[in-house]
Amino acid sequence: MEAKTIVTFIKAAELGSFSRTANVLGYSQAAVTVQIKQLEDELGTKLFDRMGKGNSAHIKWRAVSSLCTSNS
């Protein structure tokens, strides 16, 4: 797990949009999607519900919460 992937995840959770995250961090939208997908694969769970054309993403707080508590 790379630090830049965590930064991307946090920014995407704050902004609720992979496109806006890409603009803020200076990445392409595809790069953000790849980073989030790699993180989800590594953790074994989906972290966002993708919402189609608008590239908006809603974080799945239950998945994140369960990952945090299971690793403590």
C-alpha atoms as a PDB file:
ATOM      1  CA  MET A   1       0.000   0.000   0.000  1.00  0.00           C
ATOM      2  CA  GLU A   2       1.537   3.263  -1.125  1.00  0.00           C
ATOM      3  CA  ALA A   3       1.142   6.600   0.626  1.00  0.00           C
ATOM      4  CA  LYS A   4      -0.090   8.285  -2.565  1.00  0.00           C
ATOM      5  CA  THR A   5      -2.892   5.713  -2.785  1.00  0.00           C
ATOM      6  CA  ILE A   6      -4.004   6.548   0.754  1.00  0.00           C
ATOM      7  CA  VAL A   7      -3.886  10.278  -0.047  1.00  0.00           C
ATOM      8  CA  THR A   8      -5.981   9.638  -3.161  1.00  0.00           C
ATOM      9  CA  PHE A   9      -8.485   7.569  -1.163  1.00  0.00           C
ATOM     10  CA  ILE A  10      -8.836  10.257   1.522  1.00  0.00           C
ATOM     11  CA  LYS A  11      -9.292  13.025  -1.064  1.00  0.00           C
ATOM     12  CA  ALA A  12     -11.862  10.966  -2.986  1.00  0.00           C
ATOM     13  CA  ALA A  13     -13.774  10.354   0.249  1.00  0.00           C
ATOM     14  CA  GLU A  14     -13.715  14.092   1.021  1.00  0.00           C
ATOM     15  CA  LEU A  15     -14.744  15.211  -2.462  1.00  0.00           C
ATOM     16  CA  GLY A  16     -17.092  12.363  -3.397  1.00  0.00           C
ATOM     17  CA  SER A  17     -15.818  12.420  -6.968  1.00  0.00           C
ATOM     18  CA  PHE A  18     -12.953  10.683  -8.725  1.00  0.00           C
ATOM     19  CA  SER A  19     -12.907  13.440 -11.373  1.00  0.00           C
ATOM     20  CA  ARG A  20     -12.601  16.225  -8.816  1.00  0.00           C
ATOM     21  CA  THR A  21      -9.991  14.201  -6.936  1.00  0.00           C
ATOM     22  CA  ALA A  22      -7.967  13.877 -10.134  1.00  0.00           C
ATOM     23  CA  ASN A  23      -8.155  17.630 -10.748  1.00  0.00           C
ATOM     24  CA  VAL A  24      -7.092  18.516  -7.209  1.00  0.00           C
ATOM     25  CA  LEU A  25      -4.215  16.008  -7.098  1.00  0.00           C
ATOM     26  CA  GLY A  26      -3.065  16.602 -10.671  1.00  0.00           C
ATOM     27  CA  TYR A  27      -3.802  13.058 -11.869  1.00  0.00           C
ATOM     28  CA  SER A  28      -5.978  11.772 -14.669  1.00  0.00           C
ATOM     29  CA  GLN A  29      -9.377  10.419 -13.681  1.00  0.00           C
ATOM     30  CA  ALA A  30      -8.224   7.003 -14.907  1.00  0.00           C
ATOM     31  CA  ALA A  31      -5.201   7.102 -12.566  1.00  0.00           C
ATOM     32  CA  VAL A  32      -7.465   7.806  -9.593  1.00  0.00           C
ATOM     33  CA  THR A  33      -9.745   4.934 -10.578  1.00  0.00           C
ATOM     34  CA  VAL A  34      -6.762   2.575 -10.886  1.00  0.00           C
ATOM     35  CA  GLN A  35      -5.394   3.610  -7.479  1.00  0.00           C
ATOM     36  CA  ILE A  36      -8.757   3.101  -5.767  1.00  0.00           C
ATOM     37  CA  LYS A  37      -9.231  -0.259  -7.524  1.00  0.00           C
ATOM     38  CA  GLN A  38      -5.763  -1.396  -6.390  1.00  0.00           C
ATOM     39  CA  LEU A  39      -6.574  -0.399  -2.816  1.00  0.00           C
ATOM     40  CA  GLU A  40      -9.912  -2.223  -2.955  1.00  0.00           C
ATOM     41  CA  ASP A  41      -8.201  -5.329  -4.351  1.00  0.00           C
ATOM     42  CA  GLU A  42      -5.539  -5.209  -1.655  1.00  0.00           C
ATOM     43  CA  LEU A  43      -8.116  -4.821   1.118  1.00  0.00           C
ATOM     44  CA  GLY A  44     -10.555  -7.290  -0.410  1.00  0.00           C
ATOM     45  CA  THR A  45     -13.583  -5.005  -0.343  1.00  0.00           C
ATOM     46  CA  LYS A  46     -15.232  -2.231  -2.326  1.00  0.00           C
ATOM     47  CA  LEU A  47     -14.667   1.124  -0.664  1.00  0.00           C
ATOM     48  CA  PHE A  48     -16.911   3.249  -2.896  1.00  0.00           C
ATOM     49  CA  ASP A  49     -20.246   2.916  -4.652  1.00  0.00           C
ATOM     50  CA  ARG A  50     -19.679   4.294  -8.141  1.00  0.00           C
ATOM     51  CA  MET A  51     -22.504   6.453  -9.422  1.00  0.00           C
ATOM     52  CA  GLY A  52     -22.107   6.339 -13.221  1.00  0.00           C
ATOM     53  CA  LYS A  53     -21.538   9.194 -15.638  1.00  0.00           C
ATOM     54  CA  GLY A  54     -20.944  11.938 -13.117  1.00  0.00           C
ATOM     55  CA  ASN A  55     -17.980   9.977 -11.740  1.00  0.00           C
ATOM     56  CA  SER A  56     -19.304  10.597  -8.260  1.00  0.00           C
ATOM     57  CA  ALA A  57     -18.444   8.093  -5.594  1.00  0.00           C
ATOM     58  CA  HIS A  58     -20.007   7.523  -2.220  1.00  0.00           C
ATOM     59  CA  ILE A  59     -17.746   5.947   0.342  1.00  0.00           C
ATOM     60  CA  LYS A  60     -18.936   2.721   1.882  1.00  0.00           C
ATOM     61  CA  TRP A  61     -18.319   3.678   5.503  1.00  0.00           C
ATOM     62  CA  ARG A  62     -19.282   0.259   6.836  1.00  0.00           C
ATOM     63  CA  ALA A  63     -16.530  -1.373   4.781  1.00  0.00           C
ATOM     64  CA  VAL A  64     -13.964   1.187   5.924  1.00  0.00           C
ATOM     65  CA  SER A  65     -15.077   0.976   9.544  1.00  0.00           C
ATOM     66  CA  SER A  66     -14.900  -2.807   9.604  1.00  0.00           C
ATOM     67  CA  LEU A  67     -11.416  -2.747   8.060  1.00  0.00           C
ATOM     68  CA  CYS A  68     -10.213  -0.245  10.653  1.00  0.00           C
ATOM     69  CA  THR A  69     -11.573  -2.179  13.607  1.00  0.00           C
ATOM     70  CA  SER A  70     -10.447  -5.590  12.355  1.00  0.00           C
ATOM     71  CA  ASN A  71      -6.843  -4.345  12.026  1.00  0.00           C
ATOM     72  CA  SER A  72      -6.546  -2.819  15.495  1.00  0.00           C
END
